[in-house]
């Protein structure tokens, strides 16, 4: 694999009896056209194997909670995103009834889904082959480091339009991590607007 490239993995390999697939909230909320329909295509490719192995894809209760919050809070400011969250919840209900998704996994000790994913990956690193579907660079980096440390078959990637799992090379992952860090630093350095001023207007 060339530097900066992604490799494509067949998701079916992660729904075997000794494997687990997890889905992060941002996969359901993704709106970029080049990824449209990717999760649906992935389920279509895996549905037969999921049912044959009785091994549904895991969508933790924390992810469902985050989708409900997005559905409620974004209704006015970002109606398209609120609609995506609502559609995701409908999909999860029907997919759960069909045995394709497990929605019962919860853990009150972790406030965020990312922390729960990493706890599970670390706990079962040498028990299962595991795949996390996410567009967030931070858990991707953490899973990559955990895989190196434990020697487990742990993967974090995002679904493509054709339903593959795209996994960044080390070089691309590192570059994306640097870009995210630079963005966070810039955001923290940006002066906050004073009360009573509007974006785009100059304060006197």
C-alpha atoms as a PDB file:
ATOM      1  CA  UNK A   1       0.000   0.000   0.000  1.00  0.00           C
ATOM      2  CA  UNK A   2       1.440   3.362  -1.030  1.00  0.00           C
ATOM      3  CA  UNK A   3       1.943   6.152   1.471  1.00  0.00           C
ATOM      4  CA  UNK A   4      -1.235   8.183   1.859  1.00  0.00           C
ATOM      5  CA  UNK A   5      -3.463   5.399   0.499  1.00  0.00           C
ATOM      6  CA  UNK A   6      -6.437   3.560   1.949  1.00  0.00           C
ATOM      7  CA  UNK A   7      -6.924  -0.178   1.764  1.00  0.00           C
ATOM      8  CA  UNK A   8     -10.376  -1.650   1.324  1.00  0.00           C
ATOM      9  CA  UNK A   9     -11.504  -4.539   3.496  1.00  0.00           C
ATOM     10  CA  UNK A  10     -14.485  -6.814   2.941  1.00  0.00           C
ATOM     11  CA  UNK A  11     -16.780  -6.259   5.969  1.00  0.00           C
ATOM     12  CA  UNK A  12     -18.002  -9.863   5.786  1.00  0.00           C
ATOM     13  CA  UNK A  13     -14.742 -10.971   7.419  1.00  0.00           C
ATOM     14  CA  UNK A  14     -15.770  -9.136  10.596  1.00  0.00           C
ATOM     15  CA  UNK A  15     -19.183 -10.749  11.077  1.00  0.00           C
ATOM     16  CA  UNK A  16     -17.900 -14.282  11.594  1.00  0.00           C
ATOM     17  CA  UNK A  17     -18.592 -16.112  14.828  1.00  0.00           C
ATOM     18  CA  UNK A  18     -15.362 -14.909  16.455  1.00  0.00           C
ATOM     19  CA  UNK A  19     -15.650 -11.286  15.310  1.00  0.00           C
ATOM     20  CA  UNK A  20     -17.442  -8.077  16.244  1.00  0.00           C
ATOM     21  CA  UNK A  21     -18.429  -4.934  14.308  1.00  0.00           C
ATOM     22  CA  UNK A  22     -19.337  -1.680  16.079  1.00  0.00           C
ATOM     23  CA  UNK A  23     -20.825   1.497  14.578  1.00  0.00           C
ATOM     24  CA  UNK A  24     -20.100   5.011  15.838  1.00  0.00           C
ATOM     25  CA  UNK A  25     -22.683   7.822  15.830  1.00  0.00           C
ATOM     26  CA  UNK A  26     -20.977   9.865  13.117  1.00  0.00           C
ATOM     27  CA  UNK A  27     -21.431   7.074  10.552  1.00  0.00           C
ATOM     28  CA  UNK A  28     -25.205   7.507  10.817  1.00  0.00           C
ATOM     29  CA  UNK A  29     -24.854  11.314  10.644  1.00  0.00           C
ATOM     30  CA  UNK A  30     -22.473  11.444   7.647  1.00  0.00           C
ATOM     31  CA  UNK A  31     -23.727  13.771   4.865  1.00  0.00           C
ATOM     32  CA  UNK A  32     -20.825  13.939   2.378  1.00  0.00           C
ATOM     33  CA  UNK A  33     -22.080  12.734  -1.027  1.00  0.00           C
ATOM     34  CA  UNK A  34     -19.128  10.414  -1.643  1.00  0.00           C
ATOM     35  CA  UNK A  35     -20.165   8.315   1.357  1.00  0.00           C
ATOM     36  CA  UNK A  36     -23.932   8.358   0.793  1.00  0.00           C
ATOM     37  CA  UNK A  37     -25.447   4.897   1.106  1.00  0.00           C
ATOM     38  CA  UNK A  38     -22.239   3.314   2.355  1.00  0.00           C
ATOM     39  CA  UNK A  39     -23.632   1.873   5.567  1.00  0.00           C
ATOM     40  CA  UNK A  40     -26.685   0.508   3.740  1.00  0.00           C
ATOM     41  CA  UNK A  41     -24.409  -1.159   1.165  1.00  0.00           C
ATOM     42  CA  UNK A  42     -22.303  -2.658   3.962  1.00  0.00           C
ATOM     43  CA  UNK A  43     -25.359  -4.199   5.624  1.00  0.00           C
ATOM     44  CA  UNK A  44     -26.563  -5.581   2.300  1.00  0.00           C
ATOM     45  CA  UNK A  45     -23.215  -7.310   1.831  1.00  0.00           C
ATOM     46  CA  UNK A  46     -23.123  -8.681   5.373  1.00  0.00           C
ATOM     47  CA  UNK A  47     -26.760  -9.504   6.129  1.00  0.00           C
ATOM     48  CA  UNK A  48     -26.606 -13.166   5.098  1.00  0.00           C
ATOM     49  CA  UNK A  49     -23.408 -13.816   7.081  1.00  0.00           C
ATOM     50  CA  UNK A  50     -24.744 -11.913  10.101  1.00  0.00           C
ATOM     51  CA  UNK A  51     -27.837 -14.098  10.223  1.00  0.00           C
ATOM     52  CA  UNK A  52     -25.949 -17.302   9.467  1.00  0.00           C
ATOM     53  CA  UNK A  53     -23.483 -16.675  12.302  1.00  0.00           C
ATOM     54  CA  UNK A  54     -26.042 -15.082  14.629  1.00  0.00           C
ATOM     55  CA  UNK A  55     -23.594 -12.213  15.061  1.00  0.00           C
ATOM     56  CA  UNK A  56     -25.359  -8.837  14.684  1.00  0.00           C
ATOM     57  CA  UNK A  57     -23.543  -5.538  14.276  1.00  0.00           C
ATOM     58  CA  UNK A  58     -23.291  -3.723  17.626  1.00  0.00           C
ATOM     59  CA  UNK A  59     -24.732  -0.226  18.047  1.00  0.00           C
ATOM     60  CA  UNK A  60     -24.365   0.609  21.761  1.00  0.00           C
ATOM     61  CA  UNK A  61     -27.085   2.409  23.708  1.00  0.00           C
ATOM     62  CA  UNK A  62     -24.785   5.438  23.954  1.00  0.00           C
ATOM     63  CA  UNK A  63     -24.816   5.799  20.186  1.00  0.00           C
ATOM     64  CA  UNK A  64     -28.608   5.582  20.217  1.00  0.00           C
ATOM     65  CA  UNK A  65     -28.707   8.238  22.960  1.00  0.00           C
ATOM     66  CA  UNK A  66     -26.492  10.531  20.875  1.00  0.00           C
ATOM     67  CA  UNK A  67     -28.774  10.050  17.876  1.00  0.00           C
ATOM     68  CA  UNK A  68     -31.814  10.966  19.986  1.00  0.00           C
ATOM     69  CA  UNK A  69     -30.042  14.102  21.212  1.00  0.00           C
ATOM     70  CA  UNK A  70     -29.168  15.072  17.625  1.00  0.00           C
ATOM     71  CA  UNK A  71     -32.743  14.455  16.506  1.00  0.00           C
ATOM     72  CA  UNK A  72     -34.032  16.799  19.206  1.00  0.00           C
ATOM     73  CA  UNK A  73     -31.383  19.543  19.335  1.00  0.00           C
ATOM     74  CA  UNK A  74     -30.727  19.924  15.595  1.00  0.00           C
ATOM     75  CA  UNK A  75     -34.381  20.098  14.546  1.00  0.00           C
ATOM     76  CA  UNK A  76     -34.264  23.889  14.129  1.00  0.00           C
ATOM     77  CA  UNK A  77     -30.611  24.692  13.426  1.00  0.00           C
ATOM     78  CA  UNK A  78     -29.784  21.748  11.149  1.00  0.00           C
ATOM     79  CA  UNK A  79     -32.983  20.025  10.042  1.00  0.00           C
ATOM     80  CA  UNK A  80     -31.175  17.776   7.531  1.00  0.00           C
ATOM     81  CA  UNK A  81     -28.970  16.369  10.295  1.00  0.00           C
ATOM     82  CA  UNK A  82     -31.948  15.981  12.625  1.00  0.00           C
ATOM     83  CA  UNK A  83     -33.724  14.014   9.897  1.00  0.00           C
ATOM     84  CA  UNK A  84     -30.693  11.754   9.461  1.00  0.00           C
ATOM     85  CA  UNK A  85     -30.685  11.004  13.186  1.00  0.00           C
ATOM     86  CA  UNK A  86     -34.411  10.236  13.098  1.00  0.00           C
ATOM     87  CA  UNK A  87     -34.000   7.949  10.077  1.00  0.00           C
ATOM     88  CA  UNK A  88     -31.098   6.174  11.785  1.00  0.00           C
ATOM     89  CA  UNK A  89     -33.239   5.407  14.827  1.00  0.00           C
ATOM     90  CA  UNK A  90     -35.991   3.987  12.605  1.00  0.00           C
ATOM     91  CA  UNK A  91     -33.410   1.876  10.771  1.00  0.00           C
ATOM     92  CA  UNK A  92     -31.972   0.568  14.037  1.00  0.00           C
ATOM     93  CA  UNK A  93     -35.383  -0.561  15.241  1.00  0.00           C
ATOM     94  CA  UNK A  94     -36.126  -2.474  12.062  1.00  0.00           C
ATOM     95  CA  UNK A  95     -32.585  -3.896  11.771  1.00  0.00           C
ATOM     96  CA  UNK A  96     -32.721  -5.041  15.387  1.00  0.00           C
ATOM     97  CA  UNK A  97     -36.033  -6.795  14.782  1.00  0.00           C
ATOM     98  CA  UNK A  98     -34.470  -8.527  11.761  1.00  0.00           C
ATOM     99  CA  UNK A  99     -31.516  -9.719  13.855  1.00  0.00           C
ATOM    100  CA  UNK A 100     -28.971  -7.584  11.987  1.00  0.00           C
ATOM    101  CA  UNK A 101     -28.168  -5.162  14.803  1.00  0.00           C
ATOM    102  CA  UNK A 102     -27.664  -5.543  18.532  1.00  0.00           C
ATOM    103  CA  UNK A 103     -28.780  -2.428  20.415  1.00  0.00           C
ATOM    104  CA  UNK A 104     -28.698  -3.674  24.017  1.00  0.00           C
ATOM    105  CA  UNK A 105     -25.030  -3.047  24.848  1.00  0.00           C
ATOM    106  CA  UNK A 106     -24.710  -0.316  27.464  1.00  0.00           C
ATOM    107  CA  UNK A 107     -22.248   0.829  30.082  1.00  0.00           C
ATOM    108  CA  UNK A 108     -23.011   3.702  32.454  1.00  0.00           C
ATOM    109  CA  UNK A 109     -19.360   4.098  33.467  1.00  0.00           C
ATOM    110  CA  UNK A 110     -18.410   5.811  30.172  1.00  0.00           C
ATOM    111  CA  UNK A 111     -20.034   9.154  29.300  1.00  0.00           C
ATOM    112  CA  UNK A 112     -19.197   8.911  25.597  1.00  0.00           C
ATOM    113  CA  UNK A 113     -19.477   6.158  23.004  1.00  0.00           C
ATOM    114  CA  UNK A 114     -15.803   6.525  21.995  1.00  0.00           C
ATOM    115  CA  UNK A 115     -14.654   5.626  25.508  1.00  0.00           C
ATOM    116  CA  UNK A 116     -16.913   2.584  25.550  1.00  0.00           C
ATOM    117  CA  UNK A 117     -15.557   1.392  22.194  1.00  0.00           C
ATOM    118  CA  UNK A 118     -11.957   1.682  23.345  1.00  0.00           C
ATOM    119  CA  UNK A 119     -12.684  -0.060  26.653  1.00  0.00           C
ATOM    120  CA  UNK A 120     -14.256  -2.970  24.767  1.00  0.00           C
ATOM    121  CA  UNK A 121     -11.447  -3.143  22.212  1.00  0.00           C
ATOM    122  CA  UNK A 122      -8.832  -3.243  24.941  1.00  0.00           C
ATOM    123  CA  UNK A 123     -10.710  -5.789  27.048  1.00  0.00           C
ATOM    124  CA  UNK A 124     -11.319  -8.199  24.172  1.00  0.00           C
ATOM    125  CA  UNK A 125      -8.308  -7.420  21.969  1.00  0.00           C
ATOM    126  CA  UNK A 126      -7.102 -11.010  21.956  1.00  0.00           C
ATOM    127  CA  UNK A 127     -10.553 -12.633  22.121  1.00  0.00           C
ATOM    128  CA  UNK A 128     -12.246 -11.297  18.990  1.00  0.00           C
ATOM    129  CA  UNK A 129     -11.341  -9.775  15.648  1.00  0.00           C
ATOM    130  CA  UNK A 130     -12.994  -6.350  15.925  1.00  0.00           C
ATOM    131  CA  UNK A 131     -13.885  -3.536  13.559  1.00  0.00           C
ATOM    132  CA  UNK A 132     -15.068  -0.053  14.509  1.00  0.00           C
ATOM    133  CA  UNK A 133     -16.893   1.913  11.822  1.00  0.00           C
ATOM    134  CA  UNK A 134     -16.210   5.606  12.384  1.00  0.00           C
ATOM    135  CA  UNK A 135     -15.227   8.772  10.560  1.00  0.00           C
ATOM    136  CA  UNK A 136     -13.564  10.223  13.671  1.00  0.00           C
ATOM    137  CA  UNK A 137      -9.780  10.272  13.419  1.00  0.00           C
ATOM    138  CA  UNK A 138      -9.211  10.077  17.192  1.00  0.00           C
ATOM    139  CA  UNK A 139     -10.681   6.590  17.794  1.00  0.00           C
ATOM    140  CA  UNK A 140      -9.048   5.443  14.554  1.00  0.00           C
ATOM    141  CA  UNK A 141      -5.656   6.437  15.935  1.00  0.00           C
ATOM    142  CA  UNK A 142      -6.386   4.898  19.322  1.00  0.00           C
ATOM    143  CA  UNK A 143      -7.491   1.583  17.804  1.00  0.00           C
ATOM    144  CA  UNK A 144      -4.391   1.501  15.565  1.00  0.00           C
ATOM    145  CA  UNK A 145      -2.112   2.025  18.568  1.00  0.00           C
ATOM    146  CA  UNK A 146      -4.024  -0.559  20.604  1.00  0.00           C
ATOM    147  CA  UNK A 147      -3.685  -3.116  17.809  1.00  0.00           C
ATOM    148  CA  UNK A 148       0.081  -2.565  17.741  1.00  0.00           C
ATOM    149  CA  UNK A 149       0.354  -2.863  21.502  1.00  0.00           C
ATOM    150  CA  UNK A 150      -1.797  -5.974  21.935  1.00  0.00           C
ATOM    151  CA  UNK A 151      -1.194  -7.766  18.655  1.00  0.00           C
ATOM    152  CA  UNK A 152      -4.945  -8.173  18.204  1.00  0.00           C
ATOM    153  CA  UNK A 153      -6.739  -7.960  14.855  1.00  0.00           C
ATOM    154  CA  UNK A 154      -8.352  -4.584  15.550  1.00  0.00           C
ATOM    155  CA  UNK A 155      -9.460  -2.269  12.756  1.00  0.00           C
ATOM    156  CA  UNK A 156     -11.082   1.166  12.648  1.00  0.00           C
ATOM    157  CA  UNK A 157     -12.275   2.492   9.306  1.00  0.00           C
ATOM    158  CA  UNK A 158     -15.235   4.001   7.521  1.00  0.00           C
ATOM    159  CA  UNK A 159     -17.757   2.534   5.081  1.00  0.00           C
ATOM    160  CA  UNK A 160     -17.415   3.423   1.403  1.00  0.00           C
ATOM    161  CA  UNK A 161     -20.224   3.833  -1.131  1.00  0.00           C
ATOM    162  CA  UNK A 162     -19.770   0.205  -2.172  1.00  0.00           C
ATOM    163  CA  UNK A 163     -19.934  -1.108   1.393  1.00  0.00           C
ATOM    164  CA  UNK A 164     -16.232  -1.790   1.868  1.00  0.00           C
ATOM    165  CA  UNK A 165     -14.369  -0.701   4.993  1.00  0.00           C
ATOM    166  CA  UNK A 166     -11.711   1.874   4.091  1.00  0.00           C
ATOM    167  CA  UNK A 167      -8.687   1.830   6.410  1.00  0.00           C
ATOM    168  CA  UNK A 168      -6.078   4.571   6.160  1.00  0.00           C
ATOM    169  CA  UNK A 169      -2.372   3.858   5.914  1.00  0.00           C
ATOM    170  CA  UNK A 170      -0.196   4.875   8.869  1.00  0.00           C
ATOM    171  CA  UNK A 171       1.001   7.922   6.931  1.00  0.00           C
ATOM    172  CA  UNK A 172      -2.484   9.145   6.048  1.00  0.00           C
ATOM    173  CA  UNK A 173      -3.801   8.489   9.540  1.00  0.00           C
ATOM    174  CA  UNK A 174      -0.906  10.443  11.090  1.00  0.00           C
ATOM    175  CA  UNK A 175      -1.449  13.333   8.673  1.00  0.00           C
ATOM    176  CA  UNK A 176      -5.166  13.493   9.446  1.00  0.00           C
ATOM    177  CA  UNK A 177      -4.372  13.408  13.159  1.00  0.00           C
ATOM    178  CA  UNK A 178      -2.008  16.363  12.761  1.00  0.00           C
ATOM    179  CA  UNK A 179      -4.651  18.293  10.834  1.00  0.00           C
ATOM    180  CA  UNK A 180      -7.265  17.678  13.512  1.00  0.00           C
ATOM    181  CA  UNK A 181      -4.849  18.738  16.249  1.00  0.00           C
ATOM    182  CA  UNK A 182      -3.948  21.917  14.362  1.00  0.00           C
ATOM    183  CA  UNK A 183      -7.641  22.709  13.951  1.00  0.00           C
ATOM    184  CA  UNK A 184      -8.295  22.225  17.668  1.00  0.00           C
ATOM    185  CA  UNK A 185      -5.365  24.458  18.589  1.00  0.00           C
ATOM    186  CA  UNK A 186      -6.542  27.162  16.182  1.00  0.00           C
ATOM    187  CA  UNK A 187     -10.053  26.954  17.622  1.00  0.00           C
ATOM    188  CA  UNK A 188      -8.781  27.422  21.162  1.00  0.00           C
ATOM    189  CA  UNK A 189      -6.669  30.422  20.149  1.00  0.00           C
ATOM    190  CA  UNK A 190      -9.555  32.102  18.345  1.00  0.00           C
ATOM    191  CA  UNK A 191     -10.885  34.970  20.480  1.00  0.00           C
ATOM    192  CA  UNK A 192     -14.459  34.491  21.576  1.00  0.00           C
ATOM    193  CA  UNK A 193     -17.023  37.033  20.424  1.00  0.00           C
ATOM    194  CA  UNK A 194     -18.017  39.607  23.007  1.00  0.00           C
ATOM    195  CA  UNK A 195     -21.634  39.554  24.158  1.00  0.00           C
ATOM    196  CA  UNK A 196     -23.832  41.727  21.998  1.00  0.00           C
ATOM    197  CA  UNK A 197     -21.724  41.422  18.815  1.00  0.00           C
ATOM    198  CA  UNK A 198     -22.693  39.459  15.745  1.00  0.00           C
ATOM    199  CA  UNK A 199     -20.586  37.302  13.475  1.00  0.00           C
ATOM    200  CA  UNK A 200     -19.305  39.359  10.584  1.00  0.00           C
ATOM    201  CA  UNK A 201     -19.740  42.688  12.405  1.00  0.00           C
ATOM    202  CA  UNK A 202     -16.868  44.649  13.853  1.00  0.00           C
ATOM    203  CA  UNK A 203     -16.903  45.485  17.530  1.00  0.00           C
ATOM    204  CA  UNK A 204     -16.157  49.133  18.286  1.00  0.00           C
END
